[in-house]
Amino acid sequence: MPAPTQKTTHQKNLIMEANEIIGDVIECSREDAIRKSKDAELYKALDRLNDLYESLFCGR
């Protein structure tokens, strides 16, 4: 079993990555309002965000 500090560091890294993806989603959402061609990138970013949250909160 990993030490608590390792898990905390891992969780912090996941949270930082999730925040980056949220920024990507916001950017894609703005661009999507202008151009519908961003749909694929938006859904890809949302899938990544979902996977990260599952890893963080569901222990995947």
PDB file of N, CA and C in Angstrom:
ATOM      1  N   MET A   1       0.857  -1.191   0.000  1.00  0.00           N
ATOM      2  CA  MET A   1       0.000   0.000   0.000  1.00  0.00           C
ATOM      3  C   MET A   1       0.890   1.236   0.000  1.00  0.00           C
ATOM      4  N   PRO A   2       0.604   2.204  -0.884  1.00  0.00           N
ATOM      5  CA  PRO A   2       1.431   3.405  -0.931  1.00  0.00           C
ATOM      6  C   PRO A   2       1.278   4.235   0.334  1.00  0.00           C
ATOM      7  N   ALA A   3       2.313   4.956   0.657  1.00  0.00           N
ATOM      8  CA  ALA A   3       2.269   5.845   1.815  1.00  0.00           C
ATOM      9  C   ALA A   3       1.250   6.955   1.545  1.00  0.00           C
ATOM     10  N   PRO A   4       0.631   7.481   2.619  1.00  0.00           N
ATOM     11  CA  PRO A   4      -0.379   8.528   2.438  1.00  0.00           C
ATOM     12  C   PRO A   4       0.128   9.737   1.647  1.00  0.00           C
ATOM     13  N   THR A   5       1.409  10.121   1.848  1.00  0.00           N
ATOM     14  CA  THR A   5       1.915  11.284   1.113  1.00  0.00           C
ATOM     15  C   THR A   5       1.994  11.005  -0.377  1.00  0.00           C
ATOM     16  N   GLN A   6       2.284   9.760  -0.760  1.00  0.00           N
ATOM     17  CA  GLN A   6       2.325   9.424  -2.177  1.00  0.00           C
ATOM     18  C   GLN A   6       0.934   9.526  -2.787  1.00  0.00           C
ATOM     19  N   LYS A   7      -0.051   9.032  -2.079  1.00  0.00           N
ATOM     20  CA  LYS A   7      -1.417   9.111  -2.582  1.00  0.00           C
ATOM     21  C   LYS A   7      -1.851  10.575  -2.683  1.00  0.00           C
ATOM     22  N   THR A   8      -1.514  11.361  -1.691  1.00  0.00           N
ATOM     23  CA  THR A   8      -1.872  12.775  -1.708  1.00  0.00           C
ATOM     24  C   THR A   8      -1.217  13.467  -2.897  1.00  0.00           C
ATOM     25  N   THR A   9       0.047  13.171  -3.150  1.00  0.00           N
ATOM     26  CA  THR A   9       0.732  13.757  -4.291  1.00  0.00           C
ATOM     27  C   THR A   9       0.073  13.315  -5.588  1.00  0.00           C
ATOM     28  N   HIS A  10      -0.277  12.035  -5.668  1.00  0.00           N
ATOM     29  CA  HIS A  10      -0.955  11.516  -6.867  1.00  0.00           C
ATOM     30  C   HIS A  10      -2.287  12.229  -7.056  1.00  0.00           C
ATOM     31  N   GLN A  11      -3.040  12.403  -5.982  1.00  0.00           N
ATOM     32  CA  GLN A  11      -4.323  13.092  -6.084  1.00  0.00           C
ATOM     33  C   GLN A  11      -4.138  14.543  -6.519  1.00  0.00           C
ATOM     34  N   LYS A  12      -3.109  15.204  -5.973  1.00  0.00           N
ATOM     35  CA  LYS A  12      -2.843  16.586  -6.374  1.00  0.00           C
ATOM     36  C   LYS A  12      -2.519  16.661  -7.860  1.00  0.00           C
ATOM     37  N   ASN A  13      -1.741  15.706  -8.355  1.00  0.00           N
ATOM     38  CA  ASN A  13      -1.414  15.684  -9.780  1.00  0.00           C
ATOM     39  C   ASN A  13      -2.660  15.489 -10.625  1.00  0.00           C
ATOM     40  N   LEU A  14      -3.561  14.604 -10.178  1.00  0.00           N
ATOM     41  CA  LEU A  14      -4.809  14.385 -10.905  1.00  0.00           C
ATOM     42  C   LEU A  14      -5.673  15.643 -10.910  1.00  0.00           C
ATOM     43  N   ILE A  15      -5.710  16.321  -9.784  1.00  0.00           N
ATOM     44  CA  ILE A  15      -6.498  17.550  -9.693  1.00  0.00           C
ATOM     45  C   ILE A  15      -5.930  18.623 -10.605  1.00  0.00           C
ATOM     46  N   MET A  16      -4.591  18.747 -10.637  1.00  0.00           N
ATOM     47  CA  MET A  16      -3.970  19.734 -11.524  1.00  0.00           C
ATOM     48  C   MET A  16      -4.277  19.411 -12.984  1.00  0.00           C
ATOM     49  N   GLU A  17      -4.229  18.127 -13.338  1.00  0.00           N
ATOM     50  CA  GLU A  17      -4.549  17.737 -14.715  1.00  0.00           C
ATOM     51  C   GLU A  17      -6.021  18.002 -15.020  1.00  0.00           C
ATOM     52  N   ALA A  18      -6.886  17.722 -14.045  1.00  0.00           N
ATOM     53  CA  ALA A  18      -8.316  17.974 -14.231  1.00  0.00           C
ATOM     54  C   ALA A  18      -8.571  19.463 -14.450  1.00  0.00           C
ATOM     55  N   ASN A  19      -7.879  20.316 -13.695  1.00  0.00           N
ATOM     56  CA  ASN A  19      -8.034  21.761 -13.878  1.00  0.00           C
ATOM     57  C   ASN A  19      -7.591  22.193 -15.266  1.00  0.00           C
ATOM     58  N   GLU A  20      -6.520  21.592 -15.758  1.00  0.00           N
ATOM     59  CA  GLU A  20      -6.059  21.899 -17.115  1.00  0.00           C
ATOM     60  C   GLU A  20      -7.109  21.494 -18.141  1.00  0.00           C
ATOM     61  N   ILE A  21      -7.714  20.330 -17.935  1.00  0.00           N
ATOM     62  CA  ILE A  21      -8.735  19.846 -18.863  1.00  0.00           C
ATOM     63  C   ILE A  21      -9.974  20.734 -18.794  1.00  0.00           C
ATOM     64  N   ILE A  22     -10.331  21.168 -17.590  1.00  0.00           N
ATOM     65  CA  ILE A  22     -11.471  22.083 -17.459  1.00  0.00           C
ATOM     66  C   ILE A  22     -11.215  23.347 -18.268  1.00  0.00           C
ATOM     67  N   GLY A  23      -9.983  23.858 -18.204  1.00  0.00           N
ATOM     68  CA  GLY A  23      -9.621  25.019 -19.024  1.00  0.00           C
ATOM     69  C   GLY A  23      -9.786  24.729 -20.501  1.00  0.00           C
ATOM     70  N   ASP A  24      -9.366  23.513 -20.913  1.00  0.00           N
ATOM     71  CA  ASP A  24      -9.544  23.112 -22.313  1.00  0.00           C
ATOM     72  C   ASP A  24     -11.023  23.068 -22.683  1.00  0.00           C
ATOM     73  N   VAL A  25     -11.845  22.538 -21.786  1.00  0.00           N
ATOM     74  CA  VAL A  25     -13.281  22.435 -22.045  1.00  0.00           C
ATOM     75  C   VAL A  25     -13.890  23.829 -22.183  1.00  0.00           C
ATOM     76  N   ILE A  26     -13.499  24.733 -21.308  1.00  0.00           N
ATOM     77  CA  ILE A  26     -14.019  26.108 -21.382  1.00  0.00           C
ATOM     78  C   ILE A  26     -13.607  26.757 -22.693  1.00  0.00           C
ATOM     79  N   GLU A  27     -12.338  26.582 -23.049  1.00  0.00           N
ATOM     80  CA  GLU A  27     -11.854  27.155 -24.307  1.00  0.00           C
ATOM     81  C   GLU A  27     -12.598  26.562 -25.500  1.00  0.00           C
ATOM     82  N   CYS A  28     -12.763  25.246 -25.491  1.00  0.00           N
ATOM     83  CA  CYS A  28     -13.480  24.594 -26.590  1.00  0.00           C
ATOM     84  C   CYS A  28     -14.939  25.045 -26.630  1.00  0.00           C
ATOM     85  N   SER A  29     -15.543  25.219 -25.460  1.00  0.00           N
ATOM     86  CA  SER A  29     -16.938  25.658 -25.406  1.00  0.00           C
ATOM     87  C   SER A  29     -17.098  27.040 -26.025  1.00  0.00           C
ATOM     88  N   ARG A  30     -16.160  27.924 -25.730  1.00  0.00           N
ATOM     89  CA  ARG A  30     -16.218  29.269 -26.320  1.00  0.00           C
ATOM     90  C   ARG A  30     -16.065  29.193 -27.831  1.00  0.00           C
ATOM     91  N   GLU A  31     -15.071  28.415 -28.253  1.00  0.00           N
ATOM     92  CA  GLU A  31     -14.839  28.290 -29.695  1.00  0.00           C
ATOM     93  C   GLU A  31     -16.000  27.573 -30.366  1.00  0.00           C
ATOM     94  N   ASP A  32     -16.618  26.632 -29.643  1.00  0.00           N
ATOM     95  CA  ASP A  32     -17.745  25.892 -30.204  1.00  0.00           C
ATOM     96  C   ASP A  32     -18.929  26.804 -30.469  1.00  0.00           C
ATOM     97  N   ALA A  33     -19.061  27.830 -29.675  1.00  0.00           N
ATOM     98  CA  ALA A  33     -20.137  28.784 -29.905  1.00  0.00           C
ATOM     99  C   ALA A  33     -19.928  29.489 -31.240  1.00  0.00           C
ATOM    100  N   ILE A  34     -18.681  29.619 -31.655  1.00  0.00           N
ATOM    101  CA  ILE A  34     -18.351  30.268 -32.927  1.00  0.00           C
ATOM    102  C   ILE A  34     -18.312  29.259 -34.063  1.00  0.00           C
ATOM    103  N   ARG A  35     -17.652  28.110 -33.798  1.00  0.00           N
ATOM    104  CA  ARG A  35     -17.473  27.074 -34.831  1.00  0.00           C
ATOM    105  C   ARG A  35     -17.865  25.716 -34.263  1.00  0.00           C
ATOM    106  N   LYS A  36     -18.743  25.025 -34.905  1.00  0.00           N
ATOM    107  CA  LYS A  36     -19.198  23.715 -34.457  1.00  0.00           C
ATOM    108  C   LYS A  36     -18.144  22.626 -34.655  1.00  0.00           C
ATOM    109  N   SER A  37     -17.071  22.918 -35.351  1.00  0.00           N
ATOM    110  CA  SER A  37     -16.036  21.922 -35.624  1.00  0.00           C
ATOM    111  C   SER A  37     -15.266  21.508 -34.372  1.00  0.00           C
ATOM    112  N   LYS A  38     -15.468  22.194 -33.267  1.00  0.00           N
ATOM    113  CA  LYS A  38     -14.758  21.869 -32.030  1.00  0.00           C
ATOM    114  C   LYS A  38     -15.444  20.760 -31.228  1.00  0.00           C
ATOM    115  N   ASP A  39     -16.567  20.231 -31.712  1.00  0.00           N
ATOM    116  CA  ASP A  39     -17.303  19.211 -30.962  1.00  0.00           C
ATOM    117  C   ASP A  39     -16.433  18.018 -30.587  1.00  0.00           C
ATOM    118  N   ALA A  40     -15.666  17.501 -31.526  1.00  0.00           N
ATOM    119  CA  ALA A  40     -14.853  16.313 -31.260  1.00  0.00           C
ATOM    120  C   ALA A  40     -13.826  16.591 -30.165  1.00  0.00           C
ATOM    121  N   GLU A  41     -13.189  17.745 -30.201  1.00  0.00           N
ATOM    122  CA  GLU A  41     -12.210  18.101 -29.180  1.00  0.00           C
ATOM    123  C   GLU A  41     -12.875  18.292 -27.816  1.00  0.00           C
ATOM    124  N   LEU A  42     -14.039  18.885 -27.809  1.00  0.00           N
ATOM    125  CA  LEU A  42     -14.779  19.102 -26.571  1.00  0.00           C
ATOM    126  C   LEU A  42     -15.145  17.772 -25.916  1.00  0.00           C
ATOM    127  N   TYR A  43     -15.684  16.843 -26.695  1.00  0.00           N
ATOM    128  CA  TYR A  43     -16.075  15.549 -26.131  1.00  0.00           C
ATOM    129  C   TYR A  43     -14.858  14.751 -25.668  1.00  0.00           C
ATOM    130  N   LYS A  44     -13.752  14.870 -26.395  1.00  0.00           N
ATOM    131  CA  LYS A  44     -12.522  14.191 -25.990  1.00  0.00           C
ATOM    132  C   LYS A  44     -12.038  14.743 -24.636  1.00  0.00           C
ATOM    133  N   ALA A  45     -12.089  16.064 -24.481  1.00  0.00           N
ATOM    134  CA  ALA A  45     -11.676  16.687 -23.225  1.00  0.00           C
ATOM    135  C   ALA A  45     -12.612  16.281 -22.086  1.00  0.00           C
ATOM    136  N   LEU A  46     -13.909  16.212 -22.367  1.00  0.00           N
ATOM    137  CA  LEU A  46     -14.865  15.789 -21.342  1.00  0.00           C
ATOM    138  C   LEU A  46     -14.640  14.331 -20.933  1.00  0.00           C
ATOM    139  N   ASP A  47     -14.326  13.465 -21.883  1.00  0.00           N
ATOM    140  CA  ASP A  47     -14.018  12.066 -21.570  1.00  0.00           C
ATOM    141  C   ASP A  47     -12.779  11.971 -20.695  1.00  0.00           C
ATOM    142  N   ARG A  48     -11.754  12.765 -21.003  1.00  0.00           N
ATOM    143  CA  ARG A  48     -10.530  12.770 -20.191  1.00  0.00           C
ATOM    144  C   ARG A  48     -10.842  13.235 -18.780  1.00  0.00           C
ATOM    145  N   LEU A  49     -11.658  14.273 -18.655  1.00  0.00           N
ATOM    146  CA  LEU A  49     -12.038  14.799 -17.350  1.00  0.00           C
ATOM    147  C   LEU A  49     -12.805  13.751 -16.553  1.00  0.00           C
ATOM    148  N   ASN A  50     -13.722  13.066 -17.193  1.00  0.00           N
ATOM    149  CA  ASN A  50     -14.488  12.016 -16.532  1.00  0.00           C
ATOM    150  C   ASN A  50     -13.571  10.908 -16.042  1.00  0.00           C
ATOM    151  N   ASP A  51     -12.630  10.475 -16.872  1.00  0.00           N
ATOM    152  CA  ASP A  51     -11.683   9.430 -16.476  1.00  0.00           C
ATOM    153  C   ASP A  51     -10.842   9.864 -15.278  1.00  0.00           C
ATOM    154  N   LEU A  52     -10.404  11.115 -15.274  1.00  0.00           N
ATOM    155  CA  LEU A  52      -9.614  11.604 -14.145  1.00  0.00           C
ATOM    156  C   LEU A  52     -10.418  11.618 -12.862  1.00  0.00           C
ATOM    157  N   TYR A  53     -11.649  12.095 -12.921  1.00  0.00           N
ATOM    158  CA  TYR A  53     -12.470  12.136 -11.728  1.00  0.00           C
ATOM    159  C   TYR A  53     -12.785  10.730 -11.216  1.00  0.00           C
ATOM    160  N   GLU A  54     -13.013   9.797 -12.135  1.00  0.00           N
ATOM    161  CA  GLU A  54     -13.222   8.415 -11.709  1.00  0.00           C
ATOM    162  C   GLU A  54     -11.978   7.874 -11.023  1.00  0.00           C
ATOM    163  N   SER A  55     -10.803   8.195 -11.548  1.00  0.00           N
ATOM    164  CA  SER A  55      -9.554   7.762 -10.933  1.00  0.00           C
ATOM    165  C   SER A  55      -9.392   8.368  -9.551  1.00  0.00           C
ATOM    166  N   LEU A  56      -9.741   9.625  -9.431  1.00  0.00           N
ATOM    167  CA  LEU A  56      -9.560  10.335  -8.179  1.00  0.00           C
ATOM    168  C   LEU A  56     -10.558   9.895  -7.121  1.00  0.00           C
ATOM    169  N   PHE A  57     -11.816   9.771  -7.487  1.00  0.00           N
ATOM    170  CA  PHE A  57     -12.862   9.533  -6.502  1.00  0.00           C
ATOM    171  C   PHE A  57     -13.348   8.093  -6.422  1.00  0.00           C
ATOM    172  N   CYS A  58     -13.045   7.288  -7.436  1.00  0.00           N
ATOM    173  CA  CYS A  58     -13.515   5.896  -7.433  1.00  0.00           C
ATOM    174  C   CYS A  58     -12.353   4.918  -7.278  1.00  0.00           C
ATOM    175  N   GLY A  59     -11.155   5.426  -7.164  1.00  0.00           N
ATOM    176  CA  GLY A  59      -9.992   4.589  -6.928  1.00  0.00           C
ATOM    177  C   GLY A  59      -9.591   3.717  -8.092  1.00  0.00           C
ATOM    178  N   ARG A  60      -9.899   4.163  -9.318  1.00  0.00           N
ATOM    179  CA  ARG A  60      -9.520   3.393 -10.503  1.00  0.00           C
ATOM    180  C   ARG A  60      -8.050   3.475 -10.763  1.00  0.00           C
TER     181      ARG A  60
END
